[in-house]
Amino acid sequence: MLLILFYAIIDLSTCWFDPPTTSTISRTAPPQLNATMIAFYKLSISLAFFLLGWLARFYEPLGPSLYWAMTALLPLTGLVLILLFGARVSRMLDPADDRPMKDRSHG
């Protein structure tokens, strides 16, 4: 029952985090990458749900404590990846870098 409640909460929470995230992406992504960034965002959500469904098969063999610990490690892993690569990705998406090379020397 707890497992069903967990997935129900995740499904319902999509209504709360999806619109603000989509609007943030559409406002901040470079115009030429806007649709691509939203597509990757939607793809990542789909892959996450498939991963959660696949991970559910470990609930009985691991037991509740280890299963929920393993599930909690997933977002923590994402946080570590963001901390490691976030600055590099931000630099790659910086609209100021879209200026021609001759304009970059003038500040």
N, C-alpha and C. Protein backbone atom coordinates (compact mmCIF):
# COMPACT_ATOMS: atom_id res chain seq x y z
N MET A 1 0.82 -1.20 0.00
CA MET A 1 0.00 0.00 0.00
C MET A 1 0.86 1.26 0.00
N LEU A 2 1.95 1.22 0.76
CA LEU A 2 2.84 2.37 0.82
C LEU A 2 3.47 2.66 -0.55
N LEU A 3 3.78 1.62 -1.27
CA LEU A 3 4.37 1.78 -2.60
C LEU A 3 3.38 2.47 -3.56
N ILE A 4 2.13 2.07 -3.50
CA ILE A 4 1.10 2.69 -4.36
C ILE A 4 0.93 4.16 -3.98
N LEU A 5 0.94 4.45 -2.70
CA LEU A 5 0.82 5.83 -2.24
C LEU A 5 2.01 6.67 -2.72
N PHE A 6 3.19 6.10 -2.69
CA PHE A 6 4.40 6.79 -3.17
C PHE A 6 4.24 7.19 -4.63
N TYR A 7 3.84 6.26 -5.47
CA TYR A 7 3.69 6.56 -6.90
C TYR A 7 2.52 7.50 -7.17
N ALA A 8 1.46 7.42 -6.38
CA ALA A 8 0.34 8.35 -6.54
C ALA A 8 0.78 9.78 -6.21
N ILE A 9 1.57 9.94 -5.17
CA ILE A 9 2.07 11.27 -4.82
C ILE A 9 2.98 11.81 -5.91
N ILE A 10 3.84 10.96 -6.44
CA ILE A 10 4.72 11.40 -7.52
C ILE A 10 3.91 11.82 -8.74
N ASP A 11 2.90 11.04 -9.10
CA ASP A 11 2.08 11.39 -10.27
C ASP A 11 1.33 12.69 -10.06
N LEU A 12 0.78 12.89 -8.88
CA LEU A 12 0.04 14.12 -8.61
C LEU A 12 0.97 15.32 -8.49
N SER A 13 2.19 15.11 -8.03
CA SER A 13 3.10 16.23 -7.89
C SER A 13 3.56 16.78 -9.24
N THR A 14 3.39 15.99 -10.29
CA THR A 14 3.74 16.47 -11.63
C THR A 14 2.95 17.73 -11.98
N CYS A 15 1.72 17.82 -11.52
CA CYS A 15 0.89 19.00 -11.79
C CYS A 15 1.48 20.25 -11.14
N TRP A 16 2.26 20.09 -10.09
CA TRP A 16 2.83 21.24 -9.40
C TRP A 16 4.20 21.64 -9.94
N PHE A 17 5.01 20.68 -10.37
CA PHE A 17 6.35 21.08 -10.80
C PHE A 17 6.50 21.20 -12.31
N ASP A 18 5.61 20.62 -13.09
CA ASP A 18 5.78 20.65 -14.54
C ASP A 18 5.55 22.03 -15.16
N PRO A 19 4.45 22.73 -14.88
CA PRO A 19 4.26 24.05 -15.52
C PRO A 19 5.34 25.08 -15.16
N PRO A 20 5.74 25.22 -13.88
CA PRO A 20 6.81 26.20 -13.61
C PRO A 20 8.14 25.83 -14.27
N THR A 21 8.44 24.54 -14.30
CA THR A 21 9.70 24.12 -14.91
C THR A 21 9.67 24.37 -16.42
N THR A 22 8.56 24.04 -17.06
CA THR A 22 8.44 24.27 -18.50
C THR A 22 8.53 25.76 -18.83
N SER A 23 7.88 26.60 -18.03
CA SER A 23 7.93 28.04 -18.31
C SER A 23 9.33 28.59 -18.05
N THR A 24 10.03 28.07 -17.04
CA THR A 24 11.39 28.52 -16.79
C THR A 24 12.31 28.14 -17.95
N ILE A 25 12.15 26.93 -18.45
CA ILE A 25 12.96 26.51 -19.59
C ILE A 25 12.65 27.37 -20.81
N SER A 26 11.37 27.62 -21.06
CA SER A 26 11.02 28.38 -22.27
C SER A 26 11.47 29.84 -22.18
N ARG A 27 11.60 30.38 -20.98
CA ARG A 27 12.06 31.76 -20.83
C ARG A 27 13.58 31.88 -20.88
N THR A 28 14.27 30.89 -20.32
CA THR A 28 15.71 31.04 -20.16
C THR A 28 16.55 30.34 -21.22
N ALA A 29 16.00 29.36 -21.89
CA ALA A 29 16.77 28.65 -22.91
C ALA A 29 16.98 29.54 -24.12
N PRO A 30 18.11 29.42 -24.78
CA PRO A 30 18.30 30.18 -26.02
C PRO A 30 17.20 29.83 -27.02
N PRO A 31 16.72 30.81 -27.78
CA PRO A 31 15.59 30.56 -28.68
C PRO A 31 15.79 29.38 -29.63
N GLN A 32 17.01 29.20 -30.12
CA GLN A 32 17.24 28.11 -31.06
C GLN A 32 17.25 26.74 -30.38
N LEU A 33 17.33 26.71 -29.06
CA LEU A 33 17.34 25.44 -28.32
C LEU A 33 16.09 25.24 -27.47
N ASN A 34 15.16 26.17 -27.52
CA ASN A 34 14.00 26.14 -26.63
C ASN A 34 13.22 24.83 -26.72
N ALA A 35 12.79 24.47 -27.89
CA ALA A 35 12.00 23.24 -28.05
C ALA A 35 12.82 22.00 -27.72
N THR A 36 14.09 22.03 -28.05
CA THR A 36 14.95 20.89 -27.74
C THR A 36 15.11 20.71 -26.24
N MET A 37 15.28 21.81 -25.52
CA MET A 37 15.43 21.72 -24.06
C MET A 37 14.15 21.19 -23.41
N ILE A 38 12.99 21.64 -23.87
CA ILE A 38 11.73 21.14 -23.32
C ILE A 38 11.57 19.66 -23.66
N ALA A 39 11.96 19.26 -24.86
CA ALA A 39 11.87 17.84 -25.23
C ALA A 39 12.77 16.99 -24.34
N PHE A 40 13.98 17.46 -24.07
CA PHE A 40 14.88 16.72 -23.17
C PHE A 40 14.33 16.67 -21.75
N TYR A 41 13.70 17.74 -21.32
CA TYR A 41 13.08 17.75 -19.98
C TYR A 41 11.97 16.69 -19.91
N LYS A 42 11.10 16.66 -20.91
CA LYS A 42 10.02 15.66 -20.93
C LYS A 42 10.58 14.25 -21.04
N LEU A 43 11.61 14.07 -21.84
CA LEU A 43 12.25 12.76 -21.97
C LEU A 43 12.85 12.31 -20.65
N SER A 44 13.48 13.23 -19.93
CA SER A 44 14.08 12.85 -18.64
C SER A 44 13.01 12.43 -17.63
N ILE A 45 11.85 13.09 -17.66
CA ILE A 45 10.76 12.69 -16.76
C ILE A 45 10.27 11.29 -17.13
N SER A 46 10.11 11.04 -18.42
CA SER A 46 9.65 9.71 -18.85
C SER A 46 10.64 8.63 -18.43
N LEU A 47 11.92 8.89 -18.66
CA LEU A 47 12.93 7.91 -18.26
C LEU A 47 12.96 7.71 -16.74
N ALA A 48 12.73 8.78 -15.99
CA ALA A 48 12.70 8.65 -14.54
C ALA A 48 11.54 7.77 -14.08
N PHE A 49 10.39 7.90 -14.70
CA PHE A 49 9.25 7.06 -14.32
C PHE A 49 9.50 5.60 -14.70
N PHE A 50 10.11 5.37 -15.85
CA PHE A 50 10.46 3.99 -16.21
C PHE A 50 11.47 3.42 -15.23
N LEU A 51 12.43 4.24 -14.82
CA LEU A 51 13.43 3.78 -13.85
C LEU A 51 12.78 3.46 -12.51
N LEU A 52 11.87 4.30 -12.06
CA LEU A 52 11.17 4.02 -10.80
C LEU A 52 10.35 2.74 -10.88
N GLY A 53 9.71 2.53 -12.00
CA GLY A 53 8.97 1.29 -12.17
C GLY A 53 9.87 0.08 -12.15
N TRP A 54 11.02 0.19 -12.78
CA TRP A 54 11.99 -0.92 -12.79
C TRP A 54 12.56 -1.15 -11.39
N LEU A 55 12.81 -0.05 -10.66
CA LEU A 55 13.36 -0.18 -9.32
C LEU A 55 12.36 -0.80 -8.34
N ALA A 56 11.08 -0.71 -8.64
CA ALA A 56 10.06 -1.27 -7.73
C ALA A 56 10.22 -2.77 -7.55
N ARG A 57 10.86 -3.42 -8.50
CA ARG A 57 11.04 -4.87 -8.37
C ARG A 57 12.01 -5.24 -7.25
N PHE A 58 12.77 -4.27 -6.74
CA PHE A 58 13.71 -4.52 -5.66
C PHE A 58 13.10 -4.33 -4.28
N TYR A 59 11.83 -3.93 -4.22
CA TYR A 59 11.20 -3.65 -2.92
C TYR A 59 11.18 -4.89 -2.03
N GLU A 60 10.72 -5.99 -2.56
CA GLU A 60 10.64 -7.20 -1.74
C GLU A 60 12.01 -7.80 -1.42
N PRO A 61 12.92 -7.93 -2.39
CA PRO A 61 14.22 -8.52 -2.04
C PRO A 61 15.04 -7.67 -1.06
N LEU A 62 14.96 -6.35 -1.17
CA LEU A 62 15.76 -5.49 -0.30
C LEU A 62 15.08 -5.18 1.02
N GLY A 63 13.78 -5.21 1.05
CA GLY A 63 13.05 -4.79 2.24
C GLY A 63 12.80 -3.30 2.17
N PRO A 64 11.88 -2.82 2.99
CA PRO A 64 11.49 -1.41 2.91
C PRO A 64 12.63 -0.43 3.17
N SER A 65 13.43 -0.66 4.20
CA SER A 65 14.47 0.33 4.56
C SER A 65 15.51 0.48 3.46
N LEU A 66 16.03 -0.61 2.98
CA LEU A 66 17.05 -0.52 1.93
C LEU A 66 16.47 0.00 0.62
N TYR A 67 15.23 -0.39 0.33
CA TYR A 67 14.61 0.09 -0.91
C TYR A 67 14.46 1.61 -0.89
N TRP A 68 13.94 2.15 0.22
CA TRP A 68 13.74 3.59 0.28
C TRP A 68 15.07 4.33 0.35
N ALA A 69 16.08 3.73 0.94
CA ALA A 69 17.41 4.34 0.95
C ALA A 69 17.96 4.40 -0.48
N MET A 70 17.78 3.31 -1.22
CA MET A 70 18.24 3.28 -2.60
C MET A 70 17.48 4.32 -3.43
N THR A 71 16.19 4.44 -3.22
CA THR A 71 15.38 5.43 -3.94
C THR A 71 15.81 6.85 -3.57
N ALA A 72 16.17 7.07 -2.32
CA ALA A 72 16.61 8.40 -1.89
C ALA A 72 17.98 8.76 -2.47
N LEU A 73 18.78 7.77 -2.79
CA LEU A 73 20.10 8.05 -3.37
C LEU A 73 20.02 8.60 -4.79
N LEU A 74 18.94 8.33 -5.48
CA LEU A 74 18.82 8.80 -6.86
C LEU A 74 18.83 10.33 -6.96
N PRO A 75 17.97 11.05 -6.23
CA PRO A 75 18.05 12.51 -6.33
C PRO A 75 19.35 13.07 -5.75
N LEU A 76 19.91 12.40 -4.76
CA LEU A 76 21.19 12.86 -4.22
C LEU A 76 22.30 12.72 -5.28
N THR A 77 22.23 11.67 -6.06
CA THR A 77 23.18 11.51 -7.16
C THR A 77 22.99 12.63 -8.18
N GLY A 78 21.75 12.97 -8.47
CA GLY A 78 21.47 14.09 -9.37
C GLY A 78 22.02 15.40 -8.84
N LEU A 79 21.90 15.62 -7.53
CA LEU A 79 22.44 16.82 -6.91
C LEU A 79 23.95 16.89 -7.07
N VAL A 80 24.63 15.77 -6.86
CA VAL A 80 26.08 15.74 -7.01
C VAL A 80 26.46 16.06 -8.46
N LEU A 81 25.72 15.50 -9.42
CA LEU A 81 26.01 15.77 -10.82
C LEU A 81 25.79 17.25 -11.17
N ILE A 82 24.74 17.84 -10.60
CA ILE A 82 24.49 19.27 -10.83
C ILE A 82 25.62 20.10 -10.24
N LEU A 83 26.07 19.75 -9.04
CA LEU A 83 27.16 20.49 -8.43
C LEU A 83 28.46 20.34 -9.21
N LEU A 84 28.67 19.18 -9.79
CA LEU A 84 29.90 18.95 -10.55
C LEU A 84 29.88 19.60 -11.93
N PHE A 85 28.75 19.52 -12.62
CA PHE A 85 28.69 19.95 -14.02
C PHE A 85 27.79 21.16 -14.26
N GLY A 86 27.15 21.69 -13.23
CA GLY A 86 26.20 22.79 -13.41
C GLY A 86 26.83 24.04 -13.99
N ALA A 87 28.00 24.41 -13.50
CA ALA A 87 28.65 25.63 -13.99
C ALA A 87 29.04 25.47 -15.46
N ARG A 88 29.52 24.30 -15.83
CA ARG A 88 29.92 24.07 -17.22
C ARG A 88 28.70 24.15 -18.15
N VAL A 89 27.59 23.55 -17.73
CA VAL A 89 26.38 23.60 -18.55
C VAL A 89 25.86 25.03 -18.63
N SER A 90 25.91 25.78 -17.54
CA SER A 90 25.45 27.17 -17.56
C SER A 90 26.28 28.01 -18.52
N ARG A 91 27.60 27.78 -18.53
CA ARG A 91 28.45 28.52 -19.47
C ARG A 91 28.11 28.16 -20.92
N MET A 92 27.79 26.90 -21.16
CA MET A 92 27.46 26.49 -22.52
C MET A 92 26.15 27.11 -22.99
N LEU A 93 25.23 27.37 -22.07
CA LEU A 93 23.93 27.91 -22.43
C LEU A 93 23.85 29.42 -22.30
N ASP A 94 24.94 30.07 -21.93
CA ASP A 94 24.95 31.52 -21.73
C ASP A 94 24.69 32.24 -23.05
N PRO A 95 23.63 33.06 -23.13
CA PRO A 95 23.33 33.76 -24.38
C PRO A 95 24.42 34.75 -24.78
N ALA A 96 25.22 35.23 -23.83
CA ALA A 96 26.28 36.18 -24.17
C ALA A 96 27.32 35.54 -25.08
N ASP A 97 27.45 34.23 -25.06
CA ASP A 97 28.41 33.54 -25.91
C ASP A 97 27.93 33.43 -27.35
N ASP A 98 26.72 33.86 -27.65
CA ASP A 98 26.20 33.80 -29.01
C ASP A 98 26.66 34.98 -29.86
N ARG A 99 27.34 35.95 -29.22
CA ARG A 99 27.84 37.09 -29.99
C ARG A 99 28.97 36.65 -30.91
N PRO A 100 29.13 37.35 -32.03
CA PRO A 100 30.27 37.04 -32.90
C PRO A 100 31.59 37.27 -32.16
N MET A 101 32.64 36.60 -32.60
CA MET A 101 33.94 36.68 -31.93
C MET A 101 34.47 38.12 -31.85
N LYS A 102 34.29 38.92 -32.88
CA LYS A 102 34.84 40.29 -32.86
C LYS A 102 34.16 41.14 -31.80
N ASP A 103 32.89 40.87 -31.45
CA ASP A 103 32.18 41.63 -30.43
C ASP A 103 32.60 41.22 -29.02
N ARG A 104 33.12 40.03 -28.83
CA ARG A 104 33.49 39.55 -27.50
C ARG A 104 34.69 40.32 -26.93
N SER A 105 35.55 40.82 -27.78
CA SER A 105 36.76 41.52 -27.30
C SER A 105 36.42 42.89 -26.74
N HIS A 106 35.26 43.44 -27.06
CA HIS A 106 34.88 44.76 -26.58
C HIS A 106 34.04 44.73 -25.32
N GLY A 107 33.91 43.55 -24.69
CA GLY A 107 33.26 43.45 -23.41
C GLY A 107 31.82 43.25 -23.50
